């Protein structure tokens, strides 16, 4: 099992969610977050002797745990549907999961998904 964390634009959430469901990937958590990746150009926090706040735009963080065989499909779906071609489209991280357990039934492993 792998955990996929995707940071995407809020306006792409419903599109990505629907595309993942169509691909048979269900079960995710979405959180409102703020952040910025690698800045391009000169973005010094000082201007004319004054300090200013660096803007952190709103994003959505999707978290899902998928079977190993579904990782590539999930990433492909997210890439296709979250991409606008503009700076700030987001990032995808894949993290190994050692195990999982459903609290209600006590099921473990892939049965939890």
PDB file of N, CA and C in Angstrom:
ATOM      1  N   UNK A   1       0.849  -1.184   0.000  1.00  0.00           N
ATOM      2  CA  UNK A   1       0.000   0.000   0.000  1.00  0.00           C
ATOM      3  C   UNK A   1       0.888   1.237   0.000  1.00  0.00           C
ATOM      4  N   UNK A   2       0.361   2.283  -0.622  1.00  0.00           N
ATOM      5  CA  UNK A   2       1.059   3.559  -0.668  1.00  0.00           C
ATOM      6  C   UNK A   2       0.074   4.678  -0.334  1.00  0.00           C
ATOM      7  N   UNK A   3       0.595   5.707   0.310  1.00  0.00           N
ATOM      8  CA  UNK A   3      -0.193   6.906   0.570  1.00  0.00           C
ATOM      9  C   UNK A   3       0.199   7.940  -0.478  1.00  0.00           C
ATOM     10  N   UNK A   4      -0.788   8.511  -1.135  1.00  0.00           N
ATOM     11  CA  UNK A   4      -0.554   9.564  -2.104  1.00  0.00           C
ATOM     12  C   UNK A   4      -1.053  10.862  -1.502  1.00  0.00           C
ATOM     13  N   UNK A   5      -0.174  11.845  -1.455  1.00  0.00           N
ATOM     14  CA  UNK A   5      -0.542  13.193  -1.021  1.00  0.00           C
ATOM     15  C   UNK A   5      -0.379  14.100  -2.236  1.00  0.00           C
ATOM     16  N   UNK A   6      -1.438  14.764  -2.612  1.00  0.00           N
ATOM     17  CA  UNK A   6      -1.395  15.664  -3.760  1.00  0.00           C
ATOM     18  C   UNK A   6      -1.830  17.052  -3.314  1.00  0.00           C
ATOM     19  N   UNK A   7      -1.004  18.036  -3.597  1.00  0.00           N
ATOM     20  CA  UNK A   7      -1.334  19.435  -3.318  1.00  0.00           C
ATOM     21  C   UNK A   7      -1.776  20.034  -4.648  1.00  0.00           C
ATOM     22  N   UNK A   8      -3.039  20.448  -4.733  1.00  0.00           N
ATOM     23  CA  UNK A   8      -3.593  20.938  -5.994  1.00  0.00           C
ATOM     24  C   UNK A   8      -4.326  22.262  -5.790  1.00  0.00           C
ATOM     25  N   UNK A   9      -4.706  22.876  -6.893  1.00  0.00           N
ATOM     26  CA  UNK A   9      -5.501  24.106  -6.842  1.00  0.00           C
ATOM     27  C   UNK A   9      -6.928  23.769  -6.388  1.00  0.00           C
ATOM     28  N   UNK A  10      -7.536  24.615  -5.562  1.00  0.00           N
ATOM     29  CA  UNK A  10      -8.907  24.351  -5.110  1.00  0.00           C
ATOM     30  C   UNK A  10      -9.907  24.234  -6.259  1.00  0.00           C
ATOM     31  N   UNK A  11      -9.700  24.985  -7.330  1.00  0.00           N
ATOM     32  CA  UNK A  11     -10.651  24.942  -8.445  1.00  0.00           C
ATOM     33  C   UNK A  11     -10.600  23.620  -9.199  1.00  0.00           C
ATOM     34  N   UNK A  12      -9.592  22.809  -8.982  1.00  0.00           N
ATOM     35  CA  UNK A  12      -9.474  21.524  -9.669  1.00  0.00           C
ATOM     36  C   UNK A  12      -9.957  20.352  -8.818  1.00  0.00           C
ATOM     37  N   UNK A  13     -10.365  20.608  -7.573  1.00  0.00           N
ATOM     38  CA  UNK A  13     -10.730  19.524  -6.652  1.00  0.00           C
ATOM     39  C   UNK A  13     -11.849  18.645  -7.189  1.00  0.00           C
ATOM     40  N   UNK A  14     -12.964  19.226  -7.584  1.00  0.00           N
ATOM     41  CA  UNK A  14     -14.115  18.425  -8.032  1.00  0.00           C
ATOM     42  C   UNK A  14     -13.782  17.632  -9.290  1.00  0.00           C
ATOM     43  N   UNK A  15     -13.003  18.215 -10.180  1.00  0.00           N
ATOM     44  CA  UNK A  15     -12.608  17.529 -11.418  1.00  0.00           C
ATOM     45  C   UNK A  15     -11.731  16.325 -11.095  1.00  0.00           C
ATOM     46  N   UNK A  16     -10.748  16.521 -10.222  1.00  0.00           N
ATOM     47  CA  UNK A  16      -9.848  15.432  -9.831  1.00  0.00           C
ATOM     48  C   UNK A  16     -10.623  14.350  -9.082  1.00  0.00           C
ATOM     49  N   UNK A  17     -11.481  14.755  -8.179  1.00  0.00           N
ATOM     50  CA  UNK A  17     -12.261  13.794  -7.390  1.00  0.00           C
ATOM     51  C   UNK A  17     -13.136  12.928  -8.294  1.00  0.00           C
ATOM     52  N   UNK A  18     -13.808  13.539  -9.253  1.00  0.00           N
ATOM     53  CA  UNK A  18     -14.670  12.801 -10.183  1.00  0.00           C
ATOM     54  C   UNK A  18     -13.852  11.860 -11.064  1.00  0.00           C
ATOM     55  N   UNK A  19     -12.702  12.319 -11.533  1.00  0.00           N
ATOM     56  CA  UNK A  19     -11.852  11.490 -12.389  1.00  0.00           C
ATOM     57  C   UNK A  19     -11.307  10.284 -11.621  1.00  0.00           C
ATOM     58  N   UNK A  20     -10.922  10.486 -10.366  1.00  0.00           N
ATOM     59  CA  UNK A  20     -10.455   9.363  -9.547  1.00  0.00           C
ATOM     60  C   UNK A  20     -11.576   8.349  -9.324  1.00  0.00           C
ATOM     61  N   UNK A  21     -12.781   8.836  -9.067  1.00  0.00           N
ATOM     62  CA  UNK A  21     -13.925   7.939  -8.875  1.00  0.00           C
ATOM     63  C   UNK A  21     -14.196   7.144 -10.153  1.00  0.00           C
ATOM     64  N   UNK A  22     -14.127   7.799 -11.311  1.00  0.00           N
ATOM     65  CA  UNK A  22     -14.328   7.117 -12.592  1.00  0.00           C
ATOM     66  C   UNK A  22     -13.266   6.044 -12.827  1.00  0.00           C
ATOM     67  N   UNK A  23     -12.071   6.262 -12.292  1.00  0.00           N
ATOM     68  CA  UNK A  23     -10.974   5.304 -12.434  1.00  0.00           C
ATOM     69  C   UNK A  23     -11.050   4.192 -11.393  1.00  0.00           C
ATOM     70  N   UNK A  24     -12.060   4.248 -10.515  1.00  0.00           N
ATOM     71  CA  UNK A  24     -12.236   3.219  -9.498  1.00  0.00           C
ATOM     72  C   UNK A  24     -11.447   3.451  -8.234  1.00  0.00           C
ATOM     73  N   UNK A  25     -10.947   4.668  -8.071  1.00  0.00           N
ATOM     74  CA  UNK A  25     -10.189   5.001  -6.865  1.00  0.00           C
ATOM     75  C   UNK A  25     -11.071   5.879  -5.988  1.00  0.00           C
ATOM     76  N   UNK A  26     -11.507   5.323  -4.872  1.00  0.00           N
ATOM     77  CA  UNK A  26     -12.394   6.053  -3.970  1.00  0.00           C
ATOM     78  C   UNK A  26     -11.742   6.136  -2.598  1.00  0.00           C
ATOM     79  N   UNK A  27     -12.273   6.978  -1.778  1.00  0.00           N
ATOM     80  CA  UNK A  27     -11.766   7.117  -0.427  1.00  0.00           C
ATOM     81  C   UNK A  27     -10.591   8.054  -0.366  1.00  0.00           C
ATOM     82  N   UNK A  28     -10.848   9.266   0.038  1.00  0.00           N
ATOM     83  CA  UNK A  28      -9.786  10.252   0.142  1.00  0.00           C
ATOM     84  C   UNK A  28     -10.156  11.266   1.198  1.00  0.00           C
ATOM     85  N   UNK A  29      -9.172  11.993   1.647  1.00  0.00           N
ATOM     86  CA  UNK A  29      -9.363  13.100   2.569  1.00  0.00           C
ATOM     87  C   UNK A  29      -8.873  14.357   1.880  1.00  0.00           C
ATOM     88  N   UNK A  30      -9.644  15.427   1.977  1.00  0.00           N
ATOM     89  CA  UNK A  30      -9.241  16.709   1.392  1.00  0.00           C
ATOM     90  C   UNK A  30      -9.165  17.740   2.510  1.00  0.00           C
ATOM     91  N   UNK A  31      -8.063  18.466   2.548  1.00  0.00           N
ATOM     92  CA  UNK A  31      -7.848  19.504   3.555  1.00  0.00           C
ATOM     93  C   UNK A  31      -7.504  20.811   2.869  1.00  0.00           C
ATOM     94  N   UNK A  32      -8.022  21.902   3.402  1.00  0.00           N
ATOM     95  CA  UNK A  32      -7.642  23.218   2.906  1.00  0.00           C
ATOM     96  C   UNK A  32      -6.296  23.585   3.529  1.00  0.00           C
ATOM     97  N   UNK A  33      -5.340  23.919   2.683  1.00  0.00           N
ATOM     98  CA  UNK A  33      -4.005  24.291   3.153  1.00  0.00           C
ATOM     99  C   UNK A  33      -3.558  25.546   2.413  1.00  0.00           C
ATOM    100  N   UNK A  34      -2.449  26.113   2.833  1.00  0.00           N
ATOM    101  CA  UNK A  34      -1.869  27.270   2.161  1.00  0.00           C
ATOM    102  C   UNK A  34      -0.397  26.974   1.945  1.00  0.00           C
ATOM    103  N   UNK A  35       0.144  27.418   0.822  1.00  0.00           N
ATOM    104  CA  UNK A  35       1.562  27.179   0.615  1.00  0.00           C
ATOM    105  C   UNK A  35       2.036  27.627  -0.737  1.00  0.00           C
ATOM    106  N   UNK A  36       3.338  27.667  -0.865  1.00  0.00           N
ATOM    107  CA  UNK A  36       3.972  28.036  -2.121  1.00  0.00           C
ATOM    108  C   UNK A  36       5.189  27.155  -2.300  1.00  0.00           C
ATOM    109  N   UNK A  37       5.451  26.781  -3.525  1.00  0.00           N
ATOM    110  CA  UNK A  37       6.610  25.958  -3.836  1.00  0.00           C
ATOM    111  C   UNK A  37       7.826  26.809  -4.066  1.00  0.00           C
ATOM    112  N   UNK A  38       8.651  26.359  -4.948  1.00  0.00           N
ATOM    113  CA  UNK A  38       9.890  27.043  -5.275  1.00  0.00           C
ATOM    114  C   UNK A  38       9.582  28.345  -6.011  1.00  0.00           C
ATOM    115  N   UNK A  39       9.985  29.480  -5.456  1.00  0.00           N
ATOM    116  CA  UNK A  39       9.693  30.747  -6.128  1.00  0.00           C
ATOM    117  C   UNK A  39      10.587  30.940  -7.345  1.00  0.00           C
ATOM    118  N   UNK A  40      10.034  31.610  -8.352  1.00  0.00           N
ATOM    119  CA  UNK A  40      10.829  31.966  -9.519  1.00  0.00           C
ATOM    120  C   UNK A  40      11.063  33.463  -9.489  1.00  0.00           C
ATOM    121  N   UNK A  41      12.211  33.888  -9.943  1.00  0.00           N
ATOM    122  CA  UNK A  41      12.521  35.313  -9.935  1.00  0.00           C
ATOM    123  C   UNK A  41      12.956  35.777  -8.562  1.00  0.00           C
ATOM    124  N   UNK A  42      13.156  37.083  -8.436  1.00  0.00           N
ATOM    125  CA  UNK A  42      13.601  37.674  -7.172  1.00  0.00           C
ATOM    126  C   UNK A  42      12.392  38.015  -6.320  1.00  0.00           C
ATOM    127  N   UNK A  43      12.242  37.318  -5.208  1.00  0.00           N
ATOM    128  CA  UNK A  43      11.123  37.573  -4.305  1.00  0.00           C
ATOM    129  C   UNK A  43      11.649  37.880  -2.915  1.00  0.00           C
ATOM    130  N   UNK A  44      12.443  38.899  -2.823  1.00  0.00           N
ATOM    131  CA  UNK A  44      13.023  39.294  -1.555  1.00  0.00           C
ATOM    132  C   UNK A  44      11.930  39.782  -0.613  1.00  0.00           C
ATOM    133  N   UNK A  45      12.004  39.435   0.684  1.00  0.00           N
ATOM    134  CA  UNK A  45      10.985  39.905   1.626  1.00  0.00           C
ATOM    135  C   UNK A  45      11.153  41.377   2.003  1.00  0.00           C
ATOM    136  N   UNK A  46      12.109  42.055   1.388  1.00  0.00           N
ATOM    137  CA  UNK A  46      12.331  43.470   1.676  1.00  0.00           C
ATOM    138  C   UNK A  46      12.135  44.294   0.404  1.00  0.00           C
ATOM    139  N   UNK A  47      11.479  45.419   0.556  1.00  0.00           N
ATOM    140  CA  UNK A  47      11.270  46.323  -0.573  1.00  0.00           C
ATOM    141  C   UNK A  47      11.346  47.736  -0.052  1.00  0.00           C
ATOM    142  N   UNK A  48      12.272  48.496  -0.565  1.00  0.00           N
ATOM    143  CA  UNK A  48      12.464  49.892  -0.152  1.00  0.00           C
ATOM    144  C   UNK A  48      12.587  50.030   1.360  1.00  0.00           C
ATOM    145  N   UNK A  49      13.349  49.123   1.938  1.00  0.00           N
ATOM    146  CA  UNK A  49      13.611  49.203   3.371  1.00  0.00           C
ATOM    147  C   UNK A  49      12.523  48.610   4.242  1.00  0.00           C
ATOM    148  N   UNK A  50      11.372  48.285   3.675  1.00  0.00           N
ATOM    149  CA  UNK A  50      10.280  47.710   4.457  1.00  0.00           C
ATOM    150  C   UNK A  50      10.170  46.210   4.228  1.00  0.00           C
ATOM    151  N   UNK A  51       9.635  45.535   5.211  1.00  0.00           N
ATOM    152  CA  UNK A  51       9.452  44.092   5.089  1.00  0.00           C
ATOM    153  C   UNK A  51       8.001  43.838   4.727  1.00  0.00           C
ATOM    154  N   UNK A  52       7.763  42.862   3.861  1.00  0.00           N
ATOM    155  CA  UNK A  52       6.391  42.533   3.509  1.00  0.00           C
ATOM    156  C   UNK A  52       6.164  41.028   3.632  1.00  0.00           C
ATOM    157  N   UNK A  53       4.918  40.645   3.736  1.00  0.00           N
ATOM    158  CA  UNK A  53       4.543  39.246   3.916  1.00  0.00           C
ATOM    159  C   UNK A  53       4.528  38.554   2.560  1.00  0.00           C
ATOM    160  N   UNK A  54       5.137  37.387   2.493  1.00  0.00           N
ATOM    161  CA  UNK A  54       5.118  36.601   1.263  1.00  0.00           C
ATOM    162  C   UNK A  54       3.780  35.871   1.199  1.00  0.00           C
ATOM    163  N   UNK A  55       3.089  36.031   0.095  1.00  0.00           N
ATOM    164  CA  UNK A  55       1.751  35.472  -0.099  1.00  0.00           C
ATOM    165  C   UNK A  55       1.795  33.947  -0.231  1.00  0.00           C
ATOM    166  N   UNK A  56       0.971  33.273   0.531  1.00  0.00           N
ATOM    167  CA  UNK A  56       0.824  31.826   0.430  1.00  0.00           C
ATOM    168  C   UNK A  56      -0.585  31.536  -0.087  1.00  0.00           C
ATOM    169  N   UNK A  57      -0.716  31.177  -1.351  1.00  0.00           N
ATOM    170  CA  UNK A  57      -2.042  30.968  -1.935  1.00  0.00           C
ATOM    171  C   UNK A  57      -2.736  29.737  -1.370  1.00  0.00           C
ATOM    172  N   UNK A  58      -4.063  29.737  -1.392  1.00  0.00           N
ATOM    173  CA  UNK A  58      -4.815  28.572  -0.921  1.00  0.00           C
ATOM    174  C   UNK A  58      -4.625  27.388  -1.851  1.00  0.00           C
ATOM    175  N   UNK A  59      -4.529  26.213  -1.266  1.00  0.00           N
ATOM    176  CA  UNK A  59      -4.405  24.947  -1.993  1.00  0.00           C
ATOM    177  C   UNK A  59      -5.295  23.919  -1.314  1.00  0.00           C
ATOM    178  N   UNK A  60      -5.440  22.764  -1.937  1.00  0.00           N
ATOM    179  CA  UNK A  60      -6.138  21.631  -1.340  1.00  0.00           C
ATOM    180  C   UNK A  60      -5.164  20.469  -1.294  1.00  0.00           C
ATOM    181  N   UNK A  61      -5.105  19.812  -0.144  1.00  0.00           N
ATOM    182  CA  UNK A  61      -4.252  18.638   0.004  1.00  0.00           C
ATOM    183  C   UNK A  61      -5.147  17.400  -0.002  1.00  0.00           C
ATOM    184  N   UNK A  62      -4.958  16.556  -1.016  1.00  0.00           N
ATOM    185  CA  UNK A  62      -5.673  15.285  -1.098  1.00  0.00           C
ATOM    186  C   UNK A  62      -4.779  14.197  -0.525  1.00  0.00           C
ATOM    187  N   UNK A  63      -5.355  13.349   0.301  1.00  0.00           N
ATOM    188  CA  UNK A  63      -4.623  12.216   0.861  1.00  0.00           C
ATOM    189  C   UNK A  63      -5.434  10.963   0.604  1.00  0.00           C
ATOM    190  N   UNK A  64      -4.769   9.940   0.068  1.00  0.00           N
ATOM    191  CA  UNK A  64      -5.450   8.672  -0.173  1.00  0.00           C
ATOM    192  C   UNK A  64      -4.442   7.541  -0.050  1.00  0.00           C
ATOM    193  N   UNK A  65      -4.918   6.403   0.406  1.00  0.00           N
ATOM    194  CA  UNK A  65      -4.082   5.210   0.467  1.00  0.00           C
ATOM    195  C   UNK A  65      -4.626   4.249  -0.579  1.00  0.00           C
ATOM    196  N   UNK A  66      -3.730   3.772  -1.448  1.00  0.00           N
ATOM    197  CA  UNK A  66      -4.140   2.894  -2.545  1.00  0.00           C
ATOM    198  C   UNK A  66      -3.276   1.648  -2.558  1.00  0.00           C
ATOM    199  N   UNK A  67      -3.781   0.613  -3.236  1.00  0.00           N
ATOM    200  CA  UNK A  67      -2.994  -0.605  -3.419  1.00  0.00           C
ATOM    201  C   UNK A  67      -1.793  -0.274  -4.300  1.00  0.00           C
ATOM    202  N   UNK A  68      -0.727  -1.035  -4.148  1.00  0.00           N
ATOM    203  CA  UNK A  68       0.489  -0.792  -4.928  1.00  0.00           C
ATOM    204  C   UNK A  68       0.208  -0.765  -6.429  1.00  0.00           C
ATOM    205  N   UNK A  69      -0.672  -1.646  -6.889  1.00  0.00           N
ATOM    206  CA  UNK A  69      -0.954  -1.720  -8.326  1.00  0.00           C
ATOM    207  C   UNK A  69      -1.776  -0.531  -8.838  1.00  0.00           C
ATOM    208  N   UNK A  70      -2.369   0.265  -7.936  1.00  0.00           N
ATOM    209  CA  UNK A  70      -3.181   1.417  -8.346  1.00  0.00           C
ATOM    210  C   UNK A  70      -2.430   2.748  -8.272  1.00  0.00           C
ATOM    211  N   UNK A  71      -1.186   2.725  -7.811  1.00  0.00           N
ATOM    212  CA  UNK A  71      -0.435   3.968  -7.615  1.00  0.00           C
ATOM    213  C   UNK A  71      -0.240   4.726  -8.923  1.00  0.00           C
ATOM    214  N   UNK A  72       0.246   4.038  -9.957  1.00  0.00           N
ATOM    215  CA  UNK A  72       0.513   4.713 -11.234  1.00  0.00           C
ATOM    216  C   UNK A  72      -0.762   5.285 -11.847  1.00  0.00           C
ATOM    217  N   UNK A  73      -1.864   4.535 -11.754  1.00  0.00           N
ATOM    218  CA  UNK A  73      -3.141   5.021 -12.278  1.00  0.00           C
ATOM    219  C   UNK A  73      -3.589   6.274 -11.534  1.00  0.00           C
ATOM    220  N   UNK A  74      -3.506   6.250 -10.213  1.00  0.00           N
ATOM    221  CA  UNK A  74      -3.925   7.408  -9.418  1.00  0.00           C
ATOM    222  C   UNK A  74      -3.091   8.638  -9.757  1.00  0.00           C
ATOM    223  N   UNK A  75      -1.788   8.457  -9.878  1.00  0.00           N
ATOM    224  CA  UNK A  75      -0.915   9.583 -10.215  1.00  0.00           C
ATOM    225  C   UNK A  75      -1.250  10.128 -11.596  1.00  0.00           C
ATOM    226  N   UNK A  76      -1.449   9.241 -12.560  1.00  0.00           N
ATOM    227  CA  UNK A  76      -1.785   9.665 -13.928  1.00  0.00           C
ATOM    228  C   UNK A  76      -3.087  10.465 -13.947  1.00  0.00           C
ATOM    229  N   UNK A  77      -4.099   9.989 -13.230  1.00  0.00           N
ATOM    230  CA  UNK A  77      -5.389  10.686 -13.180  1.00  0.00           C
ATOM    231  C   UNK A  77      -5.242  12.065 -12.546  1.00  0.00           C
ATOM    232  N   UNK A  78      -4.501  12.143 -11.453  1.00  0.00           N
ATOM    233  CA  UNK A  78      -4.295  13.437 -10.789  1.00  0.00           C
ATOM    234  C   UNK A  78      -3.549  14.393 -11.718  1.00  0.00           C
ATOM    235  N   UNK A  79      -2.472  13.908 -12.342  1.00  0.00           N
ATOM    236  CA  UNK A  79      -1.694  14.758 -13.244  1.00  0.00           C
ATOM    237  C   UNK A  79      -2.554  15.308 -14.385  1.00  0.00           C
ATOM    238  N   UNK A  80      -3.334  14.445 -15.006  1.00  0.00           N
ATOM    239  CA  UNK A  80      -4.153  14.858 -16.147  1.00  0.00           C
ATOM    240  C   UNK A  80      -5.226  15.871 -15.757  1.00  0.00           C
ATOM    241  N   UNK A  81      -5.781  15.727 -14.576  1.00  0.00           N
ATOM    242  CA  UNK A  81      -6.943  16.533 -14.206  1.00  0.00           C
ATOM    243  C   UNK A  81      -6.626  17.725 -13.315  1.00  0.00           C
ATOM    244  N   UNK A  82      -5.450  17.756 -12.706  1.00  0.00           N
ATOM    245  CA  UNK A  82      -5.088  18.889 -11.858  1.00  0.00           C
ATOM    246  C   UNK A  82      -4.250  19.919 -12.613  1.00  0.00           C
ATOM    247  N   UNK A  83      -3.692  19.512 -13.729  1.00  0.00           N
ATOM    248  CA  UNK A  83      -2.766  20.382 -14.476  1.00  0.00           C
ATOM    249  C   UNK A  83      -3.507  21.494 -15.211  1.00  0.00           C
ATOM    250  N   UNK A  84      -3.046  22.728 -14.998  1.00  0.00           N
ATOM    251  CA  UNK A  84      -3.542  23.873 -15.774  1.00  0.00           C
ATOM    252  C   UNK A  84      -2.441  24.404 -16.691  1.00  0.00           C
ATOM    253  N   UNK A  85      -1.198  24.013 -16.422  1.00  0.00           N
ATOM    254  CA  UNK A  85      -0.071  24.504 -17.190  1.00  0.00           C
ATOM    255  C   UNK A  85       0.533  25.775 -16.619  1.00  0.00           C
ATOM    256  N   UNK A  86      -0.068  26.296 -15.576  1.00  0.00           N
ATOM    257  CA  UNK A  86       0.417  27.509 -14.930  1.00  0.00           C
ATOM    258  C   UNK A  86       1.286  27.148 -13.726  1.00  0.00           C
ATOM    259  N   UNK A  87       2.135  28.071 -13.334  1.00  0.00           N
ATOM    260  CA  UNK A  87       2.936  27.893 -12.133  1.00  0.00           C
ATOM    261  C   UNK A  87       2.000  27.745 -10.934  1.00  0.00           C
ATOM    262  N   UNK A  88       2.307  26.819 -10.046  1.00  0.00           N
ATOM    263  CA  UNK A  88       1.488  26.630  -8.853  1.00  0.00           C
ATOM    264  C   UNK A  88       0.462  25.523  -8.977  1.00  0.00           C
ATOM    265  N   UNK A  89       0.601  24.649  -9.990  1.00  0.00           N
ATOM    266  CA  UNK A  89      -0.346  23.538 -10.149  1.00  0.00           C
ATOM    267  C   UNK A  89      -0.254  22.529  -9.020  1.00  0.00           C
ATOM    268  N   UNK A  90       0.898  22.437  -8.348  1.00  0.00           N
ATOM    269  CA  UNK A  90       0.992  21.571  -7.184  1.00  0.00           C
ATOM    270  C   UNK A  90       2.048  20.495  -7.283  1.00  0.00           C
ATOM    271  N   UNK A  91       1.954  19.551  -6.363  1.00  0.00           N
ATOM    272  CA  UNK A  91       2.927  18.460  -6.262  1.00  0.00           C
ATOM    273  C   UNK A  91       2.196  17.185  -5.850  1.00  0.00           C
ATOM    274  N   UNK A  92       2.841  16.044  -6.132  1.00  0.00           N
ATOM    275  CA  UNK A  92       2.339  14.740  -5.700  1.00  0.00           C
ATOM    276  C   UNK A  92       3.474  14.034  -4.966  1.00  0.00           C
ATOM    277  N   UNK A  93       3.153  13.479  -3.804  1.00  0.00           N
ATOM    278  CA  UNK A  93       4.127  12.731  -3.017  1.00  0.00           C
ATOM    279  C   UNK A  93       3.581  11.316  -2.801  1.00  0.00           C
ATOM    280  N   UNK A  94       4.452  10.319  -2.872  1.00  0.00           N
ATOM    281  CA  UNK A  94       4.063   8.922  -2.651  1.00  0.00           C
ATOM    282  C   UNK A  94       4.867   8.406  -1.464  1.00  0.00           C
ATOM    283  N   UNK A  95       4.144   7.861  -0.483  1.00  0.00           N
ATOM    284  CA  UNK A  95       4.750   7.437   0.779  1.00  0.00           C
ATOM    285  C   UNK A  95       4.364   5.978   1.044  1.00  0.00           C
ATOM    286  N   UNK A  96       5.318   5.110   1.379  1.00  0.00           N
ATOM    287  CA  UNK A  96       4.969   3.719   1.688  1.00  0.00           C
ATOM    288  C   UNK A  96       4.170   3.618   2.996  1.00  0.00           C
ATOM    289  N   UNK A  97       3.230   2.684   3.008  1.00  0.00           N
ATOM    290  CA  UNK A  97       2.401   2.436   4.196  1.00  0.00           C
ATOM    291  C   UNK A  97       2.710   1.025   4.694  1.00  0.00           C
ATOM    292  N   UNK A  98       3.079   0.916   5.950  1.00  0.00           N
ATOM    293  CA  UNK A  98       3.443  -0.376   6.526  1.00  0.00           C
ATOM    294  C   UNK A  98       2.218  -1.244   6.801  1.00  0.00           C
ATOM    295  N   UNK A  99       1.092  -0.627   7.111  1.00  0.00           N
ATOM    296  CA  UNK A  99      -0.109  -1.399   7.408  1.00  0.00           C
ATOM    297  C   UNK A  99      -1.287  -0.483   7.636  1.00  0.00           C
ATOM    298  N   UNK A 100      -2.467  -1.082   7.678  1.00  0.00           N
ATOM    299  CA  UNK A 100      -3.696  -0.334   7.923  1.00  0.00           C
ATOM    300  C   UNK A 100      -4.691  -1.243   8.634  1.00  0.00           C
ATOM    301  N   UNK A 101      -5.557  -0.635   9.424  1.00  0.00           N
ATOM    302  CA  UNK A 101      -6.553  -1.401  10.151  1.00  0.00           C
ATOM    303  C   UNK A 101      -7.845  -0.604  10.220  1.00  0.00           C
ATOM    304  N   UNK A 102      -8.958  -1.274   9.881  1.00  0.00           N
ATOM    305  CA  UNK A 102     -10.271  -0.629   9.984  1.00  0.00           C
ATOM    306  C   UNK A 102     -10.726  -0.734  11.432  1.00  0.00           C
ATOM    307  N   UNK A 103     -11.033   0.385  12.032  1.00  0.00           N
ATOM    308  CA  UNK A 103     -11.389   0.424  13.454  1.00  0.00           C
ATOM    309  C   UNK A 103     -12.674  -0.347  13.731  1.00  0.00           C
ATOM    310  N   UNK A 104     -13.689  -0.146  12.897  1.00  0.00           N
ATOM    311  CA  UNK A 104     -15.000  -0.748  13.156  1.00  0.00           C
ATOM    312  C   UNK A 104     -14.970  -2.270  13.136  1.00  0.00           C
ATOM    313  N   UNK A 105     -14.293  -2.868  12.129  1.00  0.00           N
ATOM    314  CA  UNK A 105     -14.353  -4.319  11.954  1.00  0.00           C
ATOM    315  C   UNK A 105     -13.067  -5.050  12.332  1.00  0.00           C
ATOM    316  N   UNK A 106     -11.964  -4.312  12.438  1.00  0.00           N
ATOM    317  CA  UNK A 106     -10.690  -4.940  12.745  1.00  0.00           C
ATOM    318  C   UNK A 106     -10.001  -5.526  11.505  1.00  0.00           C
ATOM    319  N   UNK A 107     -10.569  -5.314  10.306  1.00  0.00           N
ATOM    320  CA  UNK A 107      -9.918  -5.777   9.096  1.00  0.00           C
ATOM    321  C   UNK A 107      -8.548  -5.131   8.975  1.00  0.00           C
ATOM    322  N   UNK A 108      -7.623  -5.833   8.295  1.00  0.00           N
ATOM    323  CA  UNK A 108      -6.281  -5.310   8.115  1.00  0.00           C
ATOM    324  C   UNK A 108      -5.847  -5.422   6.655  1.00  0.00           C
ATOM    325  N   UNK A 109      -4.777  -4.730   6.327  1.00  0.00           N
ATOM    326  CA  UNK A 109      -4.199  -4.817   4.985  1.00  0.00           C
ATOM    327  C   UNK A 109      -5.081  -4.219   3.913  1.00  0.00           C
ATOM    328  N   UNK A 110      -5.002  -4.788   2.710  1.00  0.00           N
ATOM    329  CA  UNK A 110      -5.759  -4.281   1.553  1.00  0.00           C
ATOM    330  C   UNK A 110      -7.270  -4.335   1.763  1.00  0.00           C
ATOM    331  N   UNK A 111      -7.751  -5.179   2.636  1.00  0.00           N
ATOM    332  CA  UNK A 111      -9.190  -5.269   2.895  1.00  0.00           C
ATOM    333  C   UNK A 111      -9.740  -3.961   3.454  1.00  0.00           C
ATOM    334  N   UNK A 112      -8.874  -3.171   4.070  1.00  0.00           N
ATOM    335  CA  UNK A 112      -9.283  -1.871   4.633  1.00  0.00           C
ATOM    336  C   UNK A 112      -9.662  -0.899   3.520  1.00  0.00           C
ATOM    337  N   UNK A 113      -9.009  -1.029   2.377  1.00  0.00           N
ATOM    338  CA  UNK A 113      -9.238  -0.107   1.277  1.00  0.00           C
ATOM    339  C   UNK A 113     -10.531  -0.429   0.576  1.00  0.00           C
TER     340      UNK A 113
END
